[in-house]
């Protein structure tokens, strides 16, 4: 990908003590997209401040994503289902 992103998926089977993994292709970003990687997000945010428009990514939406990540971590650690706060949905 454009930002040097790499991804892997866990596939069936074991490699000694470890799960087997397989690389996943990360497609390059489309230059026509409004936001182009980290620099594009910052530029879009600055443009939103200057023009009074809404940026592509908003803190309120990102908090919801963060709540899901923390819930997934807690679930993995406890082995139980975790409820996400209604305010974060």
PDB file of N, CA and C in Angstrom:
ATOM      1  N   UNK A   1       0.806  -1.190   0.000  1.00  0.00           N
ATOM      2  CA  UNK A   1       0.000   0.000   0.000  1.00  0.00           C
ATOM      3  C   UNK A   1       0.846   1.249   0.000  1.00  0.00           C
ATOM      4  N   UNK A   2       0.224   2.368  -0.180  1.00  0.00           N
ATOM      5  CA  UNK A   2       0.881   3.664  -0.288  1.00  0.00           C
ATOM      6  C   UNK A   2       1.676   4.020   0.961  1.00  0.00           C
ATOM      7  N   UNK A   3       1.177   3.701   2.115  1.00  0.00           N
ATOM      8  CA  UNK A   3       1.847   4.022   3.375  1.00  0.00           C
ATOM      9  C   UNK A   3       2.764   2.901   3.839  1.00  0.00           C
ATOM     10  N   UNK A   4       3.075   1.977   2.969  1.00  0.00           N
ATOM     11  CA  UNK A   4       3.927   0.859   3.355  1.00  0.00           C
ATOM     12  C   UNK A   4       3.207  -0.112   4.278  1.00  0.00           C
ATOM     13  N   UNK A   5       1.876  -0.166   4.185  1.00  0.00           N
ATOM     14  CA  UNK A   5       1.100  -1.051   5.050  1.00  0.00           C
ATOM     15  C   UNK A   5       1.259  -2.496   4.616  1.00  0.00           C
ATOM     16  N   UNK A   6       1.299  -3.370   5.587  1.00  0.00           N
ATOM     17  CA  UNK A   6       1.343  -4.805   5.327  1.00  0.00           C
ATOM     18  C   UNK A   6       0.258  -5.456   6.159  1.00  0.00           C
ATOM     19  N   UNK A   7      -0.304  -6.537   5.652  1.00  0.00           N
ATOM     20  CA  UNK A   7      -1.353  -7.248   6.379  1.00  0.00           C
ATOM     21  C   UNK A   7      -1.126  -8.744   6.246  1.00  0.00           C
ATOM     22  N   UNK A   8      -1.572  -9.475   7.252  1.00  0.00           N
ATOM     23  CA  UNK A   8      -1.463 -10.929   7.253  1.00  0.00           C
ATOM     24  C   UNK A   8      -2.748 -11.514   7.812  1.00  0.00           C
ATOM     25  N   UNK A   9      -3.064 -12.724   7.384  1.00  0.00           N
ATOM     26  CA  UNK A   9      -4.230 -13.440   7.890  1.00  0.00           C
ATOM     27  C   UNK A   9      -3.761 -14.754   8.494  1.00  0.00           C
ATOM     28  N   UNK A  10      -4.410 -15.144   9.571  1.00  0.00           N
ATOM     29  CA  UNK A  10      -4.136 -16.449  10.171  1.00  0.00           C
ATOM     30  C   UNK A  10      -4.867 -17.488   9.335  1.00  0.00           C
ATOM     31  N   UNK A  11      -4.151 -18.535   8.929  1.00  0.00           N
ATOM     32  CA  UNK A  11      -4.735 -19.593   8.107  1.00  0.00           C
ATOM     33  C   UNK A  11      -4.706 -20.900   8.895  1.00  0.00           C
ATOM     34  N   UNK A  12      -5.531 -21.873   8.506  1.00  0.00           N
ATOM     35  CA  UNK A  12      -5.561 -23.138   9.249  1.00  0.00           C
ATOM     36  C   UNK A  12      -4.180 -23.795   9.309  1.00  0.00           C
ATOM     37  N   UNK A  13      -3.913 -24.420  10.429  1.00  0.00           N
ATOM     38  CA  UNK A  13      -2.656 -25.138  10.614  1.00  0.00           C
ATOM     39  C   UNK A  13      -1.732 -24.413  11.573  1.00  0.00           C
ATOM     40  N   UNK A  14      -0.678 -25.107  11.946  1.00  0.00           N
ATOM     41  CA  UNK A  14       0.290 -24.542  12.886  1.00  0.00           C
ATOM     42  C   UNK A  14       1.680 -24.669  12.290  1.00  0.00           C
ATOM     43  N   UNK A  15       2.534 -23.769  12.664  1.00  0.00           N
ATOM     44  CA  UNK A  15       3.939 -23.810  12.286  1.00  0.00           C
ATOM     45  C   UNK A  15       4.722 -23.886  13.590  1.00  0.00           C
ATOM     46  N   UNK A  16       4.853 -25.098  14.108  1.00  0.00           N
ATOM     47  CA  UNK A  16       5.460 -25.256  15.433  1.00  0.00           C
ATOM     48  C   UNK A  16       4.499 -24.740  16.487  1.00  0.00           C
ATOM     49  N   UNK A  17       4.939 -23.791  17.288  1.00  0.00           N
ATOM     50  CA  UNK A  17       4.096 -23.221  18.348  1.00  0.00           C
ATOM     51  C   UNK A  17       3.185 -22.112  17.832  1.00  0.00           C
ATOM     52  N   UNK A  18       3.362 -21.694  16.586  1.00  0.00           N
ATOM     53  CA  UNK A  18       2.667 -20.518  16.089  1.00  0.00           C
ATOM     54  C   UNK A  18       1.622 -20.874  15.040  1.00  0.00           C
ATOM     55  N   UNK A  19       0.585 -20.035  14.948  1.00  0.00           N
ATOM     56  CA  UNK A  19      -0.388 -20.172  13.870  1.00  0.00           C
ATOM     57  C   UNK A  19       0.299 -19.828  12.555  1.00  0.00           C
ATOM     58  N   UNK A  20      -0.154 -20.459  11.485  1.00  0.00           N
ATOM     59  CA  UNK A  20       0.368 -20.122  10.162  1.00  0.00           C
ATOM     60  C   UNK A  20      -0.270 -18.814   9.711  1.00  0.00           C
ATOM     61  N   UNK A  21       0.507 -18.026   9.018  1.00  0.00           N
ATOM     62  CA  UNK A  21      -0.013 -16.767   8.492  1.00  0.00           C
ATOM     63  C   UNK A  21       0.256 -16.687   7.004  1.00  0.00           C
ATOM     64  N   UNK A  22      -0.570 -15.892   6.353  1.00  0.00           N
ATOM     65  CA  UNK A  22      -0.447 -15.698   4.913  1.00  0.00           C
ATOM     66  C   UNK A  22      -0.520 -14.199   4.642  1.00  0.00           C
ATOM     67  N   UNK A  23       0.390 -13.655   3.829  1.00  0.00           N
ATOM     68  CA  UNK A  23       0.332 -12.224   3.516  1.00  0.00           C
ATOM     69  C   UNK A  23      -0.939 -11.881   2.742  1.00  0.00           C
ATOM     70  N   UNK A  24      -1.442 -10.696   2.962  1.00  0.00           N
ATOM     71  CA  UNK A  24      -2.604 -10.175   2.241  1.00  0.00           C
ATOM     72  C   UNK A  24      -2.138  -8.944   1.474  1.00  0.00           C
ATOM     73  N   UNK A  25      -2.478  -8.863   0.205  1.00  0.00           N
ATOM     74  CA  UNK A  25      -2.132  -7.677  -0.575  1.00  0.00           C
ATOM     75  C   UNK A  25      -2.930  -6.483  -0.080  1.00  0.00           C
ATOM     76  N   UNK A  26      -2.248  -5.375   0.136  1.00  0.00           N
ATOM     77  CA  UNK A  26      -2.904  -4.124   0.504  1.00  0.00           C
ATOM     78  C   UNK A  26      -2.889  -3.253  -0.744  1.00  0.00           C
ATOM     79  N   UNK A  27      -4.069  -2.964  -1.303  1.00  0.00           N
ATOM     80  CA  UNK A  27      -4.082  -2.197  -2.547  1.00  0.00           C
ATOM     81  C   UNK A  27      -3.556  -0.780  -2.334  1.00  0.00           C
ATOM     82  N   UNK A  28      -2.911  -0.258  -3.349  1.00  0.00           N
ATOM     83  CA  UNK A  28      -2.445   1.130  -3.303  1.00  0.00           C
ATOM     84  C   UNK A  28      -3.653   2.053  -3.257  1.00  0.00           C
ATOM     85  N   UNK A  29      -3.485   3.192  -2.620  1.00  0.00           N
ATOM     86  CA  UNK A  29      -4.567   4.161  -2.548  1.00  0.00           C
ATOM     87  C   UNK A  29      -4.795   4.792  -3.916  1.00  0.00           C
ATOM     88  N   UNK A  30      -6.041   5.088  -4.210  1.00  0.00           N
ATOM     89  CA  UNK A  30      -6.401   5.751  -5.456  1.00  0.00           C
ATOM     90  C   UNK A  30      -6.080   7.237  -5.322  1.00  0.00           C
ATOM     91  N   UNK A  31      -5.211   7.785  -6.176  1.00  0.00           N
ATOM     92  CA  UNK A  31      -4.858   9.202  -6.064  1.00  0.00           C
ATOM     93  C   UNK A  31      -6.055  10.133  -6.202  1.00  0.00           C
ATOM     94  N   UNK A  32      -7.156   9.643  -6.789  1.00  0.00           N
ATOM     95  CA  UNK A  32      -8.349  10.469  -6.943  1.00  0.00           C
ATOM     96  C   UNK A  32      -9.158  10.549  -5.654  1.00  0.00           C
ATOM     97  N   UNK A  33      -8.838   9.697  -4.671  1.00  0.00           N
ATOM     98  CA  UNK A  33      -9.568   9.739  -3.403  1.00  0.00           C
ATOM     99  C   UNK A  33      -9.362  11.082  -2.717  1.00  0.00           C
ATOM    100  N   UNK A  34     -10.365  11.488  -1.955  1.00  0.00           N
ATOM    101  CA  UNK A  34     -10.286  12.754  -1.223  1.00  0.00           C
ATOM    102  C   UNK A  34      -9.162  12.721  -0.202  1.00  0.00           C
ATOM    103  N   UNK A  35      -9.011  11.600   0.483  1.00  0.00           N
ATOM    104  CA  UNK A  35      -7.982  11.460   1.507  1.00  0.00           C
ATOM    105  C   UNK A  35      -6.962  10.446   1.005  1.00  0.00           C
ATOM    106  N   UNK A  36      -5.687  10.810   1.067  1.00  0.00           N
ATOM    107  CA  UNK A  36      -4.612   9.969   0.541  1.00  0.00           C
ATOM    108  C   UNK A  36      -3.590   9.714   1.642  1.00  0.00           C
ATOM    109  N   UNK A  37      -3.810   8.689   2.457  1.00  0.00           N
ATOM    110  CA  UNK A  37      -2.866   8.356   3.518  1.00  0.00           C
ATOM    111  C   UNK A  37      -2.897   9.358   4.665  1.00  0.00           C
ATOM    112  N   UNK A  38      -1.907   9.268   5.531  1.00  0.00           N
ATOM    113  CA  UNK A  38      -1.879  10.113   6.730  1.00  0.00           C
ATOM    114  C   UNK A  38      -1.778  11.599   6.385  1.00  0.00           C
ATOM    115  N   UNK A  39      -0.911  11.937   5.442  1.00  0.00           N
ATOM    116  CA  UNK A  39      -0.770  13.338   5.052  1.00  0.00           C
ATOM    117  C   UNK A  39      -2.079  13.868   4.486  1.00  0.00           C
ATOM    118  N   UNK A  40      -2.773  13.056   3.710  1.00  0.00           N
ATOM    119  CA  UNK A  40      -4.054  13.472   3.152  1.00  0.00           C
ATOM    120  C   UNK A  40      -5.101  13.720   4.223  1.00  0.00           C
ATOM    121  N   UNK A  41      -5.089  12.908   5.271  1.00  0.00           N
ATOM    122  CA  UNK A  41      -6.041  13.100   6.371  1.00  0.00           C
ATOM    123  C   UNK A  41      -5.774  14.425   7.070  1.00  0.00           C
ATOM    124  N   UNK A  42      -4.496  14.730   7.290  1.00  0.00           N
ATOM    125  CA  UNK A  42      -4.142  15.999   7.937  1.00  0.00           C
ATOM    126  C   UNK A  42      -4.534  17.171   7.045  1.00  0.00           C
ATOM    127  N   UNK A  43      -4.248  17.063   5.749  1.00  0.00           N
ATOM    128  CA  UNK A  43      -4.631  18.134   4.816  1.00  0.00           C
ATOM    129  C   UNK A  43      -6.142  18.318   4.785  1.00  0.00           C
ATOM    130  N   UNK A  44      -6.880  17.212   4.770  1.00  0.00           N
ATOM    131  CA  UNK A  44      -8.337  17.280   4.755  1.00  0.00           C
ATOM    132  C   UNK A  44      -8.860  17.943   6.023  1.00  0.00           C
ATOM    133  N   UNK A  45      -8.246  17.636   7.164  1.00  0.00           N
ATOM    134  CA  UNK A  45      -8.640  18.241   8.434  1.00  0.00           C
ATOM    135  C   UNK A  45      -8.397  19.756   8.399  1.00  0.00           C
ATOM    136  N   UNK A  46      -7.238  20.165   7.900  1.00  0.00           N
ATOM    137  CA  UNK A  46      -6.929  21.596   7.807  1.00  0.00           C
ATOM    138  C   UNK A  46      -7.898  22.298   6.853  1.00  0.00           C
ATOM    139  N   UNK A  47      -8.216  21.652   5.736  1.00  0.00           N
ATOM    140  CA  UNK A  47      -9.172  22.219   4.782  1.00  0.00           C
ATOM    141  C   UNK A  47     -10.545  22.392   5.443  1.00  0.00           C
ATOM    142  N   UNK A  48     -10.938  21.421   6.246  1.00  0.00           N
ATOM    143  CA  UNK A  48     -12.230  21.505   6.932  1.00  0.00           C
ATOM    144  C   UNK A  48     -12.253  22.683   7.900  1.00  0.00           C
ATOM    145  N   UNK A  49     -11.150  22.898   8.615  1.00  0.00           N
ATOM    146  CA  UNK A  49     -11.072  24.044   9.532  1.00  0.00           C
ATOM    147  C   UNK A  49     -11.175  25.349   8.751  1.00  0.00           C
ATOM    148  N   UNK A  50     -10.442  25.436   7.654  1.00  0.00           N
ATOM    149  CA  UNK A  50     -10.407  26.670   6.861  1.00  0.00           C
ATOM    150  C   UNK A  50     -11.726  26.966   6.167  1.00  0.00           C
ATOM    151  N   UNK A  51     -12.443  25.930   5.738  1.00  0.00           N
ATOM    152  CA  UNK A  51     -13.664  26.140   4.953  1.00  0.00           C
ATOM    153  C   UNK A  51     -14.948  25.929   5.746  1.00  0.00           C
ATOM    154  N   UNK A  52     -14.825  25.389   6.961  1.00  0.00           N
ATOM    155  CA  UNK A  52     -16.014  25.122   7.759  1.00  0.00           C
ATOM    156  C   UNK A  52     -16.771  23.883   7.317  1.00  0.00           C
ATOM    157  N   UNK A  53     -16.144  23.043   6.497  1.00  0.00           N
ATOM    158  CA  UNK A  53     -16.782  21.804   6.058  1.00  0.00           C
ATOM    159  C   UNK A  53     -16.419  20.670   7.012  1.00  0.00           C
ATOM    160  N   UNK A  54     -17.095  19.544   6.851  1.00  0.00           N
ATOM    161  CA  UNK A  54     -16.824  18.395   7.717  1.00  0.00           C
ATOM    162  C   UNK A  54     -15.694  17.551   7.126  1.00  0.00           C
ATOM    163  N   UNK A  55     -14.700  17.178   7.955  1.00  0.00           N
ATOM    164  CA  UNK A  55     -13.602  16.357   7.438  1.00  0.00           C
ATOM    165  C   UNK A  55     -14.047  14.924   7.177  1.00  0.00           C
ATOM    166  N   UNK A  56     -13.230  14.201   6.418  1.00  0.00           N
ATOM    167  CA  UNK A  56     -13.515  12.800   6.104  1.00  0.00           C
ATOM    168  C   UNK A  56     -13.605  11.957   7.373  1.00  0.00           C
ATOM    169  N   UNK A  57     -12.688  12.178   8.301  1.00  0.00           N
ATOM    170  CA  UNK A  57     -12.713  11.436   9.564  1.00  0.00           C
ATOM    171  C   UNK A  57     -13.013  12.400  10.697  1.00  0.00           C
ATOM    172  N   UNK A  58     -13.910  11.986  11.579  1.00  0.00           N
ATOM    173  CA  UNK A  58     -14.318  12.821  12.712  1.00  0.00           C
ATOM    174  C   UNK A  58     -13.999  12.097  14.007  1.00  0.00           C
ATOM    175  N   UNK A  59     -13.633  12.867  15.015  1.00  0.00           N
ATOM    176  CA  UNK A  59     -13.314  12.291  16.315  1.00  0.00           C
ATOM    177  C   UNK A  59     -14.453  11.456  16.880  1.00  0.00           C
ATOM    178  N   UNK A  60     -15.693  11.921  16.711  1.00  0.00           N
ATOM    179  CA  UNK A  60     -16.843  11.196  17.263  1.00  0.00           C
ATOM    180  C   UNK A  60     -16.947   9.796  16.661  1.00  0.00           C
ATOM    181  N   UNK A  61     -16.657   9.669  15.378  1.00  0.00           N
ATOM    182  CA  UNK A  61     -16.691   8.350  14.743  1.00  0.00           C
ATOM    183  C   UNK A  61     -15.499   7.504  15.174  1.00  0.00           C
ATOM    184  N   UNK A  62     -14.346   8.142  15.305  1.00  0.00           N
ATOM    185  CA  UNK A  62     -13.141   7.409  15.685  1.00  0.00           C
ATOM    186  C   UNK A  62     -13.236   6.854  17.102  1.00  0.00           C
ATOM    187  N   UNK A  63     -13.929   7.557  17.994  1.00  0.00           N
ATOM    188  CA  UNK A  63     -14.127   7.065  19.361  1.00  0.00           C
ATOM    189  C   UNK A  63     -14.910   5.753  19.323  1.00  0.00           C
ATOM    190  N   UNK A  64     -15.880   5.657  18.419  1.00  0.00           N
ATOM    191  CA  UNK A  64     -16.658   4.415  18.294  1.00  0.00           C
ATOM    192  C   UNK A  64     -15.754   3.261  17.863  1.00  0.00           C
ATOM    193  N   UNK A  65     -14.872   3.530  16.915  1.00  0.00           N
ATOM    194  CA  UNK A  65     -13.932   2.493  16.466  1.00  0.00           C
ATOM    195  C   UNK A  65     -13.012   2.078  17.600  1.00  0.00           C
ATOM    196  N   UNK A  66     -12.545   3.037  18.376  1.00  0.00           N
ATOM    197  CA  UNK A  66     -11.656   2.743  19.495  1.00  0.00           C
ATOM    198  C   UNK A  66     -12.370   1.899  20.548  1.00  0.00           C
ATOM    199  N   UNK A  67     -13.648   2.189  20.798  1.00  0.00           N
ATOM    200  CA  UNK A  67     -14.423   1.396  21.756  1.00  0.00           C
ATOM    201  C   UNK A  67     -14.521  -0.055  21.293  1.00  0.00           C
ATOM    202  N   UNK A  68     -14.696  -0.266  19.993  1.00  0.00           N
ATOM    203  CA  UNK A  68     -14.754  -1.639  19.473  1.00  0.00           C
ATOM    204  C   UNK A  68     -13.410  -2.345  19.635  1.00  0.00           C
ATOM    205  N   UNK A  69     -12.315  -1.630  19.400  1.00  0.00           N
ATOM    206  CA  UNK A  69     -10.985  -2.232  19.554  1.00  0.00           C
ATOM    207  C   UNK A  69     -10.752  -2.631  21.005  1.00  0.00           C
ATOM    208  N   UNK A  70     -11.044  -1.727  21.939  1.00  0.00           N
ATOM    209  CA  UNK A  70     -10.862  -2.048  23.358  1.00  0.00           C
ATOM    210  C   UNK A  70     -11.767  -3.207  23.778  1.00  0.00           C
ATOM    211  N   UNK A  71     -12.989  -3.247  23.237  1.00  0.00           N
ATOM    212  CA  UNK A  71     -13.892  -4.358  23.531  1.00  0.00           C
ATOM    213  C   UNK A  71     -13.351  -5.678  23.010  1.00  0.00           C
ATOM    214  N   UNK A  72     -12.770  -5.660  21.823  1.00  0.00           N
ATOM    215  CA  UNK A  72     -12.191  -6.879  21.249  1.00  0.00           C
ATOM    216  C   UNK A  72     -11.009  -7.360  22.081  1.00  0.00           C
ATOM    217  N   UNK A  73     -10.185  -6.434  22.547  1.00  0.00           N
ATOM    218  CA  UNK A  73      -9.043  -6.805  23.392  1.00  0.00           C
ATOM    219  C   UNK A  73      -9.528  -7.420  24.696  1.00  0.00           C
ATOM    220  N   UNK A  74     -10.507  -6.770  25.332  1.00  0.00           N
ATOM    221  CA  UNK A  74     -11.039  -7.298  26.594  1.00  0.00           C
ATOM    222  C   UNK A  74     -11.652  -8.677  26.389  1.00  0.00           C
ATOM    223  N   UNK A  75     -12.391  -8.860  25.294  1.00  0.00           N
ATOM    224  CA  UNK A  75     -13.005 -10.149  25.006  1.00  0.00           C
ATOM    225  C   UNK A  75     -11.945 -11.229  24.806  1.00  0.00           C
ATOM    226  N   UNK A  76     -10.870 -10.882  24.090  1.00  0.00           N
ATOM    227  CA  UNK A  76      -9.791 -11.850  23.860  1.00  0.00           C
ATOM    228  C   UNK A  76      -9.107 -12.225  25.172  1.00  0.00           C
ATOM    229  N   UNK A  77      -8.943 -11.254  26.053  1.00  0.00           N
ATOM    230  CA  UNK A  77      -8.264 -11.512  27.328  1.00  0.00           C
ATOM    231  C   UNK A  77      -9.122 -12.320  28.296  1.00  0.00           C
ATOM    232  N   UNK A  78     -10.432 -12.082  28.274  1.00  0.00           N
ATOM    233  CA  UNK A  78     -11.320 -12.746  29.232  1.00  0.00           C
ATOM    234  C   UNK A  78     -12.001 -13.977  28.654  1.00  0.00           C
ATOM    235  N   UNK A  79     -12.025 -14.094  27.323  1.00  0.00           N
ATOM    236  CA  UNK A  79     -12.716 -15.202  26.685  1.00  0.00           C
ATOM    237  C   UNK A  79     -14.228 -15.071  26.756  1.00  0.00           C
ATOM    238  N   UNK A  80     -14.709 -13.856  27.031  1.00  0.00           N
ATOM    239  CA  UNK A  80     -16.156 -13.632  27.151  1.00  0.00           C
ATOM    240  C   UNK A  80     -16.612 -12.530  26.204  1.00  0.00           C
ATOM    241  N   UNK A  81     -17.912 -12.513  25.968  1.00  0.00           N
ATOM    242  CA  UNK A  81     -18.520 -11.461  25.165  1.00  0.00           C
ATOM    243  C   UNK A  81     -18.469 -10.155  25.958  1.00  0.00           C
ATOM    244  N   UNK A  82     -18.179  -9.060  25.275  1.00  0.00           N
ATOM    245  CA  UNK A  82     -18.081  -7.752  25.918  1.00  0.00           C
ATOM    246  C   UNK A  82     -19.107  -6.825  25.279  1.00  0.00           C
ATOM    247  N   UNK A  83     -19.865  -6.155  26.106  1.00  0.00           N
ATOM    248  CA  UNK A  83     -20.847  -5.193  25.606  1.00  0.00           C
ATOM    249  C   UNK A  83     -20.168  -3.839  25.413  1.00  0.00           C
ATOM    250  N   UNK A  84     -20.436  -3.212  24.280  1.00  0.00           N
ATOM    251  CA  UNK A  84     -19.915  -1.879  23.993  1.00  0.00           C
ATOM    252  C   UNK A  84     -20.939  -0.873  24.515  1.00  0.00           C
ATOM    253  N   UNK A  85     -20.472   0.151  25.210  1.00  0.00           N
ATOM    254  CA  UNK A  85     -21.377   1.160  25.770  1.00  0.00           C
ATOM    255  C   UNK A  85     -22.264   1.746  24.676  1.00  0.00           C
ATOM    256  N   UNK A  86     -23.526   1.959  25.008  1.00  0.00           N
ATOM    257  CA  UNK A  86     -24.481   2.482  24.033  1.00  0.00           C
ATOM    258  C   UNK A  86     -24.014   3.823  23.463  1.00  0.00           C
ATOM    259  N   UNK A  87     -23.335   4.631  24.276  1.00  0.00           N
ATOM    260  CA  UNK A  87     -22.851   5.931  23.823  1.00  0.00           C
ATOM    261  C   UNK A  87     -21.788   5.789  22.734  1.00  0.00           C
ATOM    262  N   UNK A  88     -21.132   4.644  22.686  1.00  0.00           N
ATOM    263  CA  UNK A  88     -20.064   4.432  21.709  1.00  0.00           C
ATOM    264  C   UNK A  88     -20.572   3.764  20.435  1.00  0.00           C
ATOM    265  N   UNK A  89     -21.872   3.531  20.340  1.00  0.00           N
ATOM    266  CA  UNK A  89     -22.408   2.854  19.153  1.00  0.00           C
ATOM    267  C   UNK A  89     -22.944   3.850  18.162  1.00  0.00           C
TER     268      UNK A  89
END
